[in-house]
Amino acid sequence: MPGYRASFPFLAPEVFAVQDGAPVRLYRRIAALDRPGLYSVGLVQPVGPTIPLVEVQARWLAGVLAGRLAPAGAAAMETELIAHHQALARTYVGSARYALEVDYKGYAGQLNGAMRAGRA
């Protein structure tokens, strides 16, 4: 089948998969909402530079794992995820190609702002 396909053969599809038309359930594009303890750093398609963004993601995740960032509640994570998916739907077609798309400046600002505020 032609087109973009994200695949993760090292994970069972019921653990994590990217499918056309289905939102990817990663809080802040890092933490799997349905699989606590499963994190992905660098699993984004940025409009802008990748490596500096992965560094920001890694600092955010390190803060979460070290307990320096207050965890978000389930409702706050779901609200953030819905807002992100709505923004994607307004900007891109509903394809797996864009499921992991982020804007470097806005996304890095979101993560950096959360870290400055001491919250995940």
PDB file of N, CA and C in Angstrom:
ATOM      1  N   MET A   1       0.845  -1.164   0.000  1.00  0.00           N
ATOM      2  CA  MET A   1       0.000   0.000   0.000  1.00  0.00           C
ATOM      3  C   MET A   1       0.901   1.240   0.000  1.00  0.00           C
ATOM      4  N   PRO A   2       0.712   2.178  -0.917  1.00  0.00           N
ATOM      5  CA  PRO A   2       1.568   3.361  -0.979  1.00  0.00           C
ATOM      6  C   PRO A   2       1.254   4.322   0.168  1.00  0.00           C
ATOM      7  N   GLY A   3       2.227   5.158   0.468  1.00  0.00           N
ATOM      8  CA  GLY A   3       2.006   6.179   1.491  1.00  0.00           C
ATOM      9  C   GLY A   3       2.879   5.966   2.703  1.00  0.00           C
ATOM     10  N   TYR A   4       2.632   6.766   3.693  1.00  0.00           N
ATOM     11  CA  TYR A   4       3.418   6.755   4.921  1.00  0.00           C
ATOM     12  C   TYR A   4       2.838   5.749   5.892  1.00  0.00           C
ATOM     13  N   ARG A   5       3.683   4.956   6.484  1.00  0.00           N
ATOM     14  CA  ARG A   5       3.231   3.983   7.484  1.00  0.00           C
ATOM     15  C   ARG A   5       4.222   3.968   8.633  1.00  0.00           C
ATOM     16  N   ALA A   6       3.734   4.294   9.813  1.00  0.00           N
ATOM     17  CA  ALA A   6       4.553   4.209  11.019  1.00  0.00           C
ATOM     18  C   ALA A   6       4.381   2.807  11.589  1.00  0.00           C
ATOM     19  N   SER A   7       5.489   2.127  11.812  1.00  0.00           N
ATOM     20  CA  SER A   7       5.376   0.796  12.386  1.00  0.00           C
ATOM     21  C   SER A   7       6.400   0.620  13.498  1.00  0.00           C
ATOM     22  N   PHE A   8       6.026  -0.186  14.459  1.00  0.00           N
ATOM     23  CA  PHE A   8       6.860  -0.443  15.627  1.00  0.00           C
ATOM     24  C   PHE A   8       6.880  -1.947  15.861  1.00  0.00           C
ATOM     25  N   PRO A   9       7.655  -2.686  15.062  1.00  0.00           N
ATOM     26  CA  PRO A   9       7.620  -4.144  15.123  1.00  0.00           C
ATOM     27  C   PRO A   9       8.094  -4.719  16.458  1.00  0.00           C
ATOM     28  N   PHE A  10       8.753  -3.925  17.260  1.00  0.00           N
ATOM     29  CA  PHE A  10       9.236  -4.388  18.559  1.00  0.00           C
ATOM     30  C   PHE A  10       8.166  -4.264  19.639  1.00  0.00           C
ATOM     31  N   LEU A  11       6.998  -3.704  19.298  1.00  0.00           N
ATOM     32  CA  LEU A  11       5.870  -3.606  20.227  1.00  0.00           C
ATOM     33  C   LEU A  11       4.666  -4.314  19.625  1.00  0.00           C
ATOM     34  N   ALA A  12       3.943  -5.036  20.450  1.00  0.00           N
ATOM     35  CA  ALA A  12       2.699  -5.647  19.972  1.00  0.00           C
ATOM     36  C   ALA A  12       1.723  -4.538  19.608  1.00  0.00           C
ATOM     37  N   PRO A  13       0.931  -4.683  18.547  1.00  0.00           N
ATOM     38  CA  PRO A  13       0.007  -3.629  18.134  1.00  0.00           C
ATOM     39  C   PRO A  13      -0.959  -3.201  19.231  1.00  0.00           C
ATOM     40  N   GLU A  14      -1.333  -4.102  20.116  1.00  0.00           N
ATOM     41  CA  GLU A  14      -2.230  -3.715  21.211  1.00  0.00           C
ATOM     42  C   GLU A  14      -1.523  -2.851  22.261  1.00  0.00           C
ATOM     43  N   VAL A  15      -0.189  -2.854  22.248  1.00  0.00           N
ATOM     44  CA  VAL A  15       0.571  -1.995  23.155  1.00  0.00           C
ATOM     45  C   VAL A  15       0.675  -0.588  22.569  1.00  0.00           C
ATOM     46  N   PHE A  16       1.063  -0.502  21.288  1.00  0.00           N
ATOM     47  CA  PHE A  16       1.165   0.805  20.643  1.00  0.00           C
ATOM     48  C   PHE A  16       1.151   0.642  19.137  1.00  0.00           C
ATOM     49  N   ALA A  17       0.316   1.442  18.490  1.00  0.00           N
ATOM     50  CA  ALA A  17       0.246   1.440  17.027  1.00  0.00           C
ATOM     51  C   ALA A  17      -0.253   2.799  16.562  1.00  0.00           C
ATOM     52  N   VAL A  18       0.160   3.206  15.377  1.00  0.00           N
ATOM     53  CA  VAL A  18      -0.331   4.423  14.736  1.00  0.00           C
ATOM     54  C   VAL A  18      -1.190   3.987  13.566  1.00  0.00           C
ATOM     55  N   GLN A  19      -2.456   4.423  13.571  1.00  0.00           N
ATOM     56  CA  GLN A  19      -3.386   4.018  12.529  1.00  0.00           C
ATOM     57  C   GLN A  19      -4.025   5.247  11.894  1.00  0.00           C
ATOM     58  N   ASP A  20      -4.317   5.154  10.600  1.00  0.00           N
ATOM     59  CA  ASP A  20      -4.996   6.251   9.901  1.00  0.00           C
ATOM     60  C   ASP A  20      -6.294   6.610  10.609  1.00  0.00           C
ATOM     61  N   GLY A  21      -6.488   7.894  10.827  1.00  0.00           N
ATOM     62  CA  GLY A  21      -7.727   8.385  11.400  1.00  0.00           C
ATOM     63  C   GLY A  21      -7.843   8.229  12.901  1.00  0.00           C
ATOM     64  N   ALA A  22      -6.939   7.505  13.518  1.00  0.00           N
ATOM     65  CA  ALA A  22      -7.000   7.296  14.968  1.00  0.00           C
ATOM     66  C   ALA A  22      -5.963   8.175  15.647  1.00  0.00           C
ATOM     67  N   PRO A  23      -6.371   8.966  16.636  1.00  0.00           N
ATOM     68  CA  PRO A  23      -5.395   9.809  17.321  1.00  0.00           C
ATOM     69  C   PRO A  23      -4.380   8.972  18.108  1.00  0.00           C
ATOM     70  N   VAL A  24      -3.162   9.450  18.139  1.00  0.00           N
ATOM     71  CA  VAL A  24      -2.116   8.790  18.914  1.00  0.00           C
ATOM     72  C   VAL A  24      -2.251   9.271  20.358  1.00  0.00           C
ATOM     73  N   ARG A  25      -2.401   8.340  21.271  1.00  0.00           N
ATOM     74  CA  ARG A  25      -2.685   8.690  22.673  1.00  0.00           C
ATOM     75  C   ARG A  25      -1.407   8.826  23.486  1.00  0.00           C
ATOM     76  N   LEU A  26      -0.621   9.845  23.147  1.00  0.00           N
ATOM     77  CA  LEU A  26       0.613  10.150  23.870  1.00  0.00           C
ATOM     78  C   LEU A  26       0.496  11.548  24.474  1.00  0.00           C
ATOM     79  N   TYR A  27       0.420  11.621  25.789  1.00  0.00           N
ATOM     80  CA  TYR A  27       0.385  12.913  26.473  1.00  0.00           C
ATOM     81  C   TYR A  27       1.695  13.640  26.216  1.00  0.00           C
ATOM     82  N   ARG A  28       1.574  14.874  25.789  1.00  0.00           N
ATOM     83  CA  ARG A  28       2.720  15.698  25.401  1.00  0.00           C
ATOM     84  C   ARG A  28       3.578  15.002  24.336  1.00  0.00           C
ATOM     85  N   ARG A  29       2.973  14.067  23.594  1.00  0.00           N
ATOM     86  CA  ARG A  29       3.631  13.299  22.551  1.00  0.00           C
ATOM     87  C   ARG A  29       4.751  12.438  23.116  1.00  0.00           C
ATOM     88  N   ILE A  30       4.684  12.128  24.415  1.00  0.00           N
ATOM     89  CA  ILE A  30       5.733  11.356  25.083  1.00  0.00           C
ATOM     90  C   ILE A  30       5.165  10.179  25.883  1.00  0.00           C
ATOM     91  N   ALA A  31       4.197  10.433  26.738  1.00  0.00           N
ATOM     92  CA  ALA A  31       3.708   9.438  27.697  1.00  0.00           C
ATOM     93  C   ALA A  31       2.432   8.767  27.197  1.00  0.00           C
ATOM     94  N   ALA A  32       2.459   7.448  27.085  1.00  0.00           N
ATOM     95  CA  ALA A  32       1.292   6.701  26.632  1.00  0.00           C
ATOM     96  C   ALA A  32       0.215   6.721  27.716  1.00  0.00           C
ATOM     97  N   LEU A  33      -0.939   7.303  27.383  1.00  0.00           N
ATOM     98  CA  LEU A  33      -2.016   7.414  28.373  1.00  0.00           C
ATOM     99  C   LEU A  33      -2.561   6.055  28.779  1.00  0.00           C
ATOM    100  N   ASP A  34      -2.621   5.142  27.850  1.00  0.00           N
ATOM    101  CA  ASP A  34      -3.218   3.836  28.125  1.00  0.00           C
ATOM    102  C   ASP A  34      -2.207   2.805  28.607  1.00  0.00           C
ATOM    103  N   ARG A  35      -0.949   3.195  28.681  1.00  0.00           N
ATOM    104  CA  ARG A  35       0.122   2.287  29.119  1.00  0.00           C
ATOM    105  C   ARG A  35       1.074   3.042  30.046  1.00  0.00           C
ATOM    106  N   PRO A  36       0.698   3.251  31.311  1.00  0.00           N
ATOM    107  CA  PRO A  36       1.587   3.965  32.233  1.00  0.00           C
ATOM    108  C   PRO A  36       2.976   3.322  32.258  1.00  0.00           C
ATOM    109  N   GLY A  37       4.003   4.160  32.184  1.00  0.00           N
ATOM    110  CA  GLY A  37       5.373   3.680  32.182  1.00  0.00           C
ATOM    111  C   GLY A  37       5.958   3.513  30.789  1.00  0.00           C
ATOM    112  N   LEU A  38       5.133   3.654  29.743  1.00  0.00           N
ATOM    113  CA  LEU A  38       5.625   3.580  28.367  1.00  0.00           C
ATOM    114  C   LEU A  38       5.819   5.007  27.862  1.00  0.00           C
ATOM    115  N   TYR A  39       7.050   5.339  27.523  1.00  0.00           N
ATOM    116  CA  TYR A  39       7.392   6.691  27.067  1.00  0.00           C
ATOM    117  C   TYR A  39       8.097   6.612  25.717  1.00  0.00           C
ATOM    118  N   SER A  40       7.921   7.657  24.931  1.00  0.00           N
ATOM    119  CA  SER A  40       8.572   7.745  23.630  1.00  0.00           C
ATOM    120  C   SER A  40       9.215   9.112  23.499  1.00  0.00           C
ATOM    121  N   VAL A  41      10.517   9.143  23.330  1.00  0.00           N
ATOM    122  CA  VAL A  41      11.236  10.394  23.090  1.00  0.00           C
ATOM    123  C   VAL A  41      11.751  10.328  21.653  1.00  0.00           C
ATOM    124  N   GLY A  42      11.492  11.377  20.898  1.00  0.00           N
ATOM    125  CA  GLY A  42      11.920  11.417  19.503  1.00  0.00           C
ATOM    126  C   GLY A  42      10.886  10.864  18.545  1.00  0.00           C
ATOM    127  N   LEU A  43       9.731  10.479  19.044  1.00  0.00           N
ATOM    128  CA  LEU A  43       8.679   9.930  18.200  1.00  0.00           C
ATOM    129  C   LEU A  43       7.727  11.059  17.780  1.00  0.00           C
ATOM    130  N   VAL A  44       8.306  12.062  17.149  1.00  0.00           N
ATOM    131  CA  VAL A  44       7.530  13.185  16.630  1.00  0.00           C
ATOM    132  C   VAL A  44       8.030  13.510  15.235  1.00  0.00           C
ATOM    133  N   GLN A  45       7.181  14.160  14.480  1.00  0.00           N
ATOM    134  CA  GLN A  45       7.530  14.628  13.137  1.00  0.00           C
ATOM    135  C   GLN A  45       7.473  16.147  13.210  1.00  0.00           C
ATOM    136  N   PRO A  46       8.589  16.794  13.562  1.00  0.00           N
ATOM    137  CA  PRO A  46       8.528  18.242  13.766  1.00  0.00           C
ATOM    138  C   PRO A  46       8.606  19.059  12.486  1.00  0.00           C
ATOM    139  N   VAL A  47       7.897  20.173  12.518  1.00  0.00           N
ATOM    140  CA  VAL A  47       8.108  21.229  11.542  1.00  0.00           C
ATOM    141  C   VAL A  47       9.179  22.080  12.203  1.00  0.00           C
ATOM    142  N   GLY A  48      10.415  21.866  11.808  1.00  0.00           N
ATOM    143  CA  GLY A  48      11.560  22.493  12.463  1.00  0.00           C
ATOM    144  C   GLY A  48      12.581  21.421  12.818  1.00  0.00           C
ATOM    145  N   PRO A  49      13.586  21.780  13.600  1.00  0.00           N
ATOM    146  CA  PRO A  49      14.678  20.853  13.902  1.00  0.00           C
ATOM    147  C   PRO A  49      14.264  19.723  14.844  1.00  0.00           C
ATOM    148  N   THR A  50      14.773  18.547  14.567  1.00  0.00           N
ATOM    149  CA  THR A  50      14.427  17.377  15.371  1.00  0.00           C
ATOM    150  C   THR A  50      15.293  17.242  16.621  1.00  0.00           C
ATOM    151  N   ILE A  51      16.598  17.277  16.473  1.00  0.00           N
ATOM    152  CA  ILE A  51      17.503  16.976  17.592  1.00  0.00           C
ATOM    153  C   ILE A  51      17.285  17.920  18.785  1.00  0.00           C
ATOM    154  N   PRO A  52      17.194  19.231  18.605  1.00  0.00           N
ATOM    155  CA  PRO A  52      16.934  20.090  19.772  1.00  0.00           C
ATOM    156  C   PRO A  52      15.593  19.778  20.434  1.00  0.00           C
ATOM    157  N   LEU A  53      14.625  19.351  19.646  1.00  0.00           N
ATOM    158  CA  LEU A  53      13.320  19.021  20.213  1.00  0.00           C
ATOM    159  C   LEU A  53      13.390  17.743  21.042  1.00  0.00           C
ATOM    160  N   VAL A  54      14.144  16.778  20.582  1.00  0.00           N
ATOM    161  CA  VAL A  54      14.325  15.538  21.342  1.00  0.00           C
ATOM    162  C   VAL A  54      15.013  15.845  22.676  1.00  0.00           C
ATOM    163  N   GLU A  55      15.941  16.789  22.671  1.00  0.00           N
ATOM    164  CA  GLU A  55      16.612  17.184  23.919  1.00  0.00           C
ATOM    165  C   GLU A  55      15.609  17.789  24.900  1.00  0.00           C
ATOM    166  N   VAL A  56      14.686  18.601  24.420  1.00  0.00           N
ATOM    167  CA  VAL A  56      13.657  19.187  25.292  1.00  0.00           C
ATOM    168  C   VAL A  56      12.745  18.081  25.826  1.00  0.00           C
ATOM    169  N   GLN A  57      12.359  17.154  24.957  1.00  0.00           N
ATOM    170  CA  GLN A  57      11.547  16.022  25.404  1.00  0.00           C
ATOM    171  C   GLN A  57      12.272  15.224  26.488  1.00  0.00           C
ATOM    172  N   ALA A  58      13.548  14.981  26.286  1.00  0.00           N
ATOM    173  CA  ALA A  58      14.331  14.193  27.248  1.00  0.00           C
ATOM    174  C   ALA A  58      14.421  14.910  28.595  1.00  0.00           C
ATOM    175  N   ARG A  59      14.597  16.231  28.576  1.00  0.00           N
ATOM    176  CA  ARG A  59      14.629  16.979  29.843  1.00  0.00           C
ATOM    177  C   ARG A  59      13.284  16.900  30.550  1.00  0.00           C
ATOM    178  N   TRP A  60      12.183  17.008  29.792  1.00  0.00           N
ATOM    179  CA  TRP A  60      10.846  16.908  30.375  1.00  0.00           C
ATOM    180  C   TRP A  60      10.652  15.527  31.008  1.00  0.00           C
ATOM    181  N   LEU A  61      10.997  14.477  30.258  1.00  0.00           N
ATOM    182  CA  LEU A  61      10.828  13.118  30.763  1.00  0.00           C
ATOM    183  C   LEU A  61      11.710  12.871  31.985  1.00  0.00           C
ATOM    184  N   ALA A  62      12.941  13.358  31.960  1.00  0.00           N
ATOM    185  CA  ALA A  62      13.821  13.206  33.124  1.00  0.00           C
ATOM    186  C   ALA A  62      13.199  13.878  34.350  1.00  0.00           C
ATOM    187  N   GLY A  63      12.590  15.050  34.155  1.00  0.00           N
ATOM    188  CA  GLY A  63      11.917  15.737  35.261  1.00  0.00           C
ATOM    189  C   GLY A  63      10.744  14.943  35.800  1.00  0.00           C
ATOM    190  N   VAL A  64       9.989  14.317  34.910  1.00  0.00           N
ATOM    191  CA  VAL A  64       8.859  13.487  35.324  1.00  0.00           C
ATOM    192  C   VAL A  64       9.361  12.278  36.114  1.00  0.00           C
ATOM    193  N   LEU A  65      10.337  11.565  35.557  1.00  0.00           N
ATOM    194  CA  LEU A  65      10.822  10.340  36.194  1.00  0.00           C
ATOM    195  C   LEU A  65      11.538  10.610  37.510  1.00  0.00           C
ATOM    196  N   ALA A  66      12.194  11.775  37.617  1.00  0.00           N
ATOM    197  CA  ALA A  66      12.893  12.127  38.850  1.00  0.00           C
ATOM    198  C   ALA A  66      11.959  12.727  39.897  1.00  0.00           C
ATOM    199  N   GLY A  67      10.707  12.978  39.519  1.00  0.00           N
ATOM    200  CA  GLY A  67       9.749  13.548  40.459  1.00  0.00           C
ATOM    201  C   GLY A  67       9.867  15.054  40.617  1.00  0.00           C
ATOM    202  N   ARG A  68      10.607  15.718  39.728  1.00  0.00           N
ATOM    203  CA  ARG A  68      10.749  17.171  39.800  1.00  0.00           C
ATOM    204  C   ARG A  68       9.555  17.910  39.199  1.00  0.00           C
ATOM    205  N   LEU A  69       8.788  17.215  38.359  1.00  0.00           N
ATOM    206  CA  LEU A  69       7.604  17.813  37.744  1.00  0.00           C
ATOM    207  C   LEU A  69       6.360  17.157  38.327  1.00  0.00           C
ATOM    208  N   ALA A  70       5.452  17.986  38.809  1.00  0.00           N
ATOM    209  CA  ALA A  70       4.211  17.465  39.382  1.00  0.00           C
ATOM    210  C   ALA A  70       3.410  16.769  38.286  1.00  0.00           C
ATOM    211  N   PRO A  71       2.968  15.550  38.540  1.00  0.00           N
ATOM    212  CA  PRO A  71       2.235  14.827  37.507  1.00  0.00           C
ATOM    213  C   PRO A  71       0.887  15.477  37.212  1.00  0.00           C
ATOM    214  N   ALA A  72       0.490  15.393  35.971  1.00  0.00           N
ATOM    215  CA  ALA A  72      -0.829  15.885  35.578  1.00  0.00           C
ATOM    216  C   ALA A  72      -1.854  14.803  35.892  1.00  0.00           C
ATOM    217  N   GLY A  73      -3.045  15.227  36.223  1.00  0.00           N
ATOM    218  CA  GLY A  73      -4.129  14.276  36.457  1.00  0.00           C
ATOM    219  C   GLY A  73      -4.657  13.731  35.145  1.00  0.00           C
ATOM    220  N   ALA A  74      -5.423  12.665  35.238  1.00  0.00           N
ATOM    221  CA  ALA A  74      -5.962  12.015  34.044  1.00  0.00           C
ATOM    222  C   ALA A  74      -6.813  12.979  33.217  1.00  0.00           C
ATOM    223  N   ALA A  75      -7.626  13.794  33.869  1.00  0.00           N
ATOM    224  CA  ALA A  75      -8.489  14.731  33.134  1.00  0.00           C
ATOM    225  C   ALA A  75      -7.653  15.783  32.409  1.00  0.00           C
ATOM    226  N   ALA A  76      -6.620  16.292  33.056  1.00  0.00           N
ATOM    227  CA  ALA A  76      -5.752  17.301  32.424  1.00  0.00           C
ATOM    228  C   ALA A  76      -5.003  16.702  31.234  1.00  0.00           C
ATOM    229  N   MET A  77      -4.549  15.465  31.372  1.00  0.00           N
ATOM    230  CA  MET A  77      -3.849  14.815  30.257  1.00  0.00           C
ATOM    231  C   MET A  77      -4.796  14.604  29.077  1.00  0.00           C
ATOM    232  N   GLU A  78      -6.008  14.177  29.366  1.00  0.00           N
ATOM    233  CA  GLU A  78      -6.989  13.957  28.308  1.00  0.00           C
ATOM    234  C   GLU A  78      -7.346  15.279  27.627  1.00  0.00           C
ATOM    235  N   THR A  79      -7.503  16.346  28.391  1.00  0.00           N
ATOM    236  CA  THR A  79      -7.811  17.665  27.831  1.00  0.00           C
ATOM    237  C   THR A  79      -6.689  18.141  26.922  1.00  0.00           C
ATOM    238  N   GLU A  80      -5.437  17.977  27.351  1.00  0.00           N
ATOM    239  CA  GLU A  80      -4.285  18.386  26.538  1.00  0.00           C
ATOM    240  C   GLU A  80      -4.243  17.579  25.250  1.00  0.00           C
ATOM    241  N   LEU A  81      -4.509  16.297  25.348  1.00  0.00           N
ATOM    242  CA  LEU A  81      -4.482  15.410  24.188  1.00  0.00           C
ATOM    243  C   LEU A  81      -5.576  15.788  23.184  1.00  0.00           C
ATOM    244  N   ILE A  82      -6.774  16.063  23.669  1.00  0.00           N
ATOM    245  CA  ILE A  82      -7.875  16.463  22.793  1.00  0.00           C
ATOM    246  C   ILE A  82      -7.543  17.768  22.079  1.00  0.00           C
ATOM    247  N   ALA A  83      -7.004  18.738  22.815  1.00  0.00           N
ATOM    248  CA  ALA A  83      -6.637  20.025  22.208  1.00  0.00           C
ATOM    249  C   ALA A  83      -5.587  19.821  21.110  1.00  0.00           C
ATOM    250  N   HIS A  84      -4.625  18.965  21.361  1.00  0.00           N
ATOM    251  CA  HIS A  84      -3.593  18.691  20.353  1.00  0.00           C
ATOM    252  C   HIS A  84      -4.207  18.050  19.112  1.00  0.00           C
ATOM    253  N   HIS A  85      -5.070  17.067  19.301  1.00  0.00           N
ATOM    254  CA  HIS A  85      -5.688  16.394  18.167  1.00  0.00           C
ATOM    255  C   HIS A  85      -6.601  17.331  17.376  1.00  0.00           C
ATOM    256  N   GLN A  86      -7.284  18.228  18.070  1.00  0.00           N
ATOM    257  CA  GLN A  86      -8.117  19.210  17.370  1.00  0.00           C
ATOM    258  C   GLN A  86      -7.253  20.146  16.531  1.00  0.00           C
ATOM    259  N   ALA A  87      -6.116  20.553  17.063  1.00  0.00           N
ATOM    260  CA  ALA A  87      -5.193  21.407  16.304  1.00  0.00           C
ATOM    261  C   ALA A  87      -4.669  20.671  15.071  1.00  0.00           C
ATOM    262  N   LEU A  88      -4.337  19.390  15.216  1.00  0.00           N
ATOM    263  CA  LEU A  88      -3.893  18.595  14.066  1.00  0.00           C
ATOM    264  C   LEU A  88      -4.987  18.524  13.006  1.00  0.00           C
ATOM    265  N   ALA A  89      -6.227  18.294  13.443  1.00  0.00           N
ATOM    266  CA  ALA A  89      -7.344  18.158  12.504  1.00  0.00           C
ATOM    267  C   ALA A  89      -7.600  19.451  11.739  1.00  0.00           C
ATOM    268  N   ARG A  90      -7.353  20.592  12.382  1.00  0.00           N
ATOM    269  CA  ARG A  90      -7.536  21.878  11.701  1.00  0.00           C
ATOM    270  C   ARG A  90      -6.429  22.158  10.693  1.00  0.00           C
ATOM    271  N   THR A  91      -5.275  21.521  10.869  1.00  0.00           N
ATOM    272  CA  THR A  91      -4.101  21.841  10.073  1.00  0.00           C
ATOM    273  C   THR A  91      -3.778  20.814   8.999  1.00  0.00           C
ATOM    274  N   TYR A  92      -3.985  19.535   9.280  1.00  0.00           N
ATOM    275  CA  TYR A  92      -3.554  18.461   8.384  1.00  0.00           C
ATOM    276  C   TYR A  92      -4.713  17.533   8.041  1.00  0.00           C
ATOM    277  N   VAL A  93      -4.527  16.737   7.001  1.00  0.00           N
ATOM    278  CA  VAL A  93      -5.515  15.712   6.660  1.00  0.00           C
ATOM    279  C   VAL A  93      -5.403  14.572   7.672  1.00  0.00           C
ATOM    280  N   GLY A  94      -6.464  13.801   7.809  1.00  0.00           N
ATOM    281  CA  GLY A  94      -6.481  12.707   8.788  1.00  0.00           C
ATOM    282  C   GLY A  94      -5.716  11.497   8.319  1.00  0.00           C
ATOM    283  N   SER A  95      -4.412  11.600   8.297  1.00  0.00           N
ATOM    284  CA  SER A  95      -3.549  10.517   7.828  1.00  0.00           C
ATOM    285  C   SER A  95      -2.533  10.183   8.911  1.00  0.00           C
ATOM    286  N   ALA A  96      -2.116   8.921   8.943  1.00  0.00           N
ATOM    287  CA  ALA A  96      -1.066   8.524   9.893  1.00  0.00           C
ATOM    288  C   ALA A  96       0.200   9.342   9.668  1.00  0.00           C
ATOM    289  N   ARG A  97       0.377   9.855   8.472  1.00  0.00           N
ATOM    290  CA  ARG A  97       1.546  10.684   8.150  1.00  0.00           C
ATOM    291  C   ARG A  97       1.659  11.881   9.086  1.00  0.00           C
ATOM    292  N   TYR A  98       0.517  12.427   9.492  1.00  0.00           N
ATOM    293  CA  TYR A  98       0.521  13.633  10.328  1.00  0.00           C
ATOM    294  C   TYR A  98       0.179  13.359  11.794  1.00  0.00           C
ATOM    295  N   ALA A  99      -0.011  12.111  12.152  1.00  0.00           N
ATOM    296  CA  ALA A  99      -0.417  11.767  13.514  1.00  0.00           C
ATOM    297  C   ALA A  99       0.603  12.202  14.561  1.00  0.00           C
ATOM    298  N   LEU A 100       1.863  12.299  14.177  1.00  0.00           N
ATOM    299  CA  LEU A 100       2.932  12.645  15.123  1.00  0.00           C
ATOM    300  C   LEU A 100       3.542  14.012  14.820  1.00  0.00           C
ATOM    301  N   GLU A 101       2.829  14.814  14.043  1.00  0.00           N
ATOM    302  CA  GLU A 101       3.320  16.134  13.618  1.00  0.00           C
ATOM    303  C   GLU A 101       3.256  17.129  14.791  1.00  0.00           C
ATOM    304  N   VAL A 102       4.311  17.913  14.939  1.00  0.00           N
ATOM    305  CA  VAL A 102       4.336  19.001  15.921  1.00  0.00           C
ATOM    306  C   VAL A 102       5.051  20.197  15.298  1.00  0.00           C
ATOM    307  N   ASP A 103       4.713  21.371  15.778  1.00  0.00           N
ATOM    308  CA  ASP A 103       5.427  22.582  15.394  1.00  0.00           C
ATOM    309  C   ASP A 103       6.526  22.797  16.429  1.00  0.00           C
ATOM    310  N   TYR A 104       7.759  22.864  15.977  1.00  0.00           N
ATOM    311  CA  TYR A 104       8.895  22.960  16.894  1.00  0.00           C
ATOM    312  C   TYR A 104       8.710  24.066  17.931  1.00  0.00           C
ATOM    313  N   LYS A 105       8.465  25.269  17.474  1.00  0.00           N
ATOM    314  CA  LYS A 105       8.426  26.417  18.382  1.00  0.00           C
ATOM    315  C   LYS A 105       7.303  26.268  19.422  1.00  0.00           C
ATOM    316  N   GLY A 106       6.104  25.948  18.976  1.00  0.00           N
ATOM    317  CA  GLY A 106       4.984  25.818  19.904  1.00  0.00           C
ATOM    318  C   GLY A 106       5.146  24.658  20.868  1.00  0.00           C
ATOM    319  N   TYR A 107       5.596  23.528  20.356  1.00  0.00           N
ATOM    320  CA  TYR A 107       5.745  22.334  21.178  1.00  0.00           C
ATOM    321  C   TYR A 107       6.882  22.482  22.184  1.00  0.00           C
ATOM    322  N   ALA A 108       8.023  22.990  21.732  1.00  0.00           N
ATOM    323  CA  ALA A 108       9.145  23.214  22.662  1.00  0.00           C
ATOM    324  C   ALA A 108       8.728  24.231  23.720  1.00  0.00           C
ATOM    325  N   GLY A 109       7.983  25.254  23.314  1.00  0.00           N
ATOM    326  CA  GLY A 109       7.500  26.248  24.275  1.00  0.00           C
ATOM    327  C   GLY A 109       6.565  25.633  25.304  1.00  0.00           C
ATOM    328  N   GLN A 110       5.714  24.719  24.860  1.00  0.00           N
ATOM    329  CA  GLN A 110       4.799  24.036  25.774  1.00  0.00           C
ATOM    330  C   GLN A 110       5.574  23.229  26.815  1.00  0.00           C
ATOM    331  N   LEU A 111       6.537  22.433  26.359  1.00  0.00           N
ATOM    332  CA  LEU A 111       7.323  21.621  27.283  1.00  0.00           C
ATOM    333  C   LEU A 111       8.175  22.470  28.214  1.00  0.00           C
ATOM    334  N   ASN A 112       8.847  23.475  27.661  1.00  0.00           N
ATOM    335  CA  ASN A 112       9.683  24.357  28.489  1.00  0.00           C
ATOM    336  C   ASN A 112       8.853  25.123  29.506  1.00  0.00           C
ATOM    337  N   GLY A 113       7.674  25.579  29.102  1.00  0.00           N
ATOM    338  CA  GLY A 113       6.783  26.290  30.027  1.00  0.00           C
ATOM    339  C   GLY A 113       6.338  25.393  31.163  1.00  0.00           C
ATOM    340  N   ALA A 114       6.004  24.157  30.847  1.00  0.00           N
ATOM    341  CA  ALA A 114       5.612  23.204  31.886  1.00  0.00           C
ATOM    342  C   ALA A 114       6.763  22.955  32.862  1.00  0.00           C
ATOM    343  N   MET A 115       7.976  22.817  32.321  1.00  0.00           N
ATOM    344  CA  MET A 115       9.132  22.572  33.191  1.00  0.00           C
ATOM    345  C   MET A 115       9.402  23.778  34.099  1.00  0.00           C
ATOM    346  N   ARG A 116       9.290  24.976  33.544  1.00  0.00           N
ATOM    347  CA  ARG A 116       9.496  26.184  34.379  1.00  0.00           C
ATOM    348  C   ARG A 116       8.454  26.260  35.492  1.00  0.00           C
ATOM    349  N   ALA A 117       7.236  25.802  35.203  1.00  0.00           N
ATOM    350  CA  ALA A 117       6.171  25.827  36.188  1.00  0.00           C
ATOM    351  C   ALA A 117       6.237  24.639  37.156  1.00  0.00           C
ATOM    352  N   GLY A 118       7.140  23.698  36.883  1.00  0.00           N
ATOM    353  CA  GLY A 118       7.308  22.543  37.759  1.00  0.00           C
ATOM    354  C   GLY A 118       6.198  21.516  37.631  1.00  0.00           C
ATOM    355  N   ARG A 119       5.584  21.464  36.463  1.00  0.00           N
ATOM    356  CA  ARG A 119       4.497  20.508  36.261  1.00  0.00           C
ATOM    357  C   ARG A 119       4.704  19.734  34.962  1.00  0.00           C
ATOM    358  N   ALA A 120       4.161  18.541  34.972  1.00  0.00           N
ATOM    359  CA  ALA A 120       4.251  17.715  33.770  1.00  0.00           C
ATOM    360  C   ALA A 120       3.169  18.153  32.828  1.00  0.00           C
TER     361      ALA A 120
END
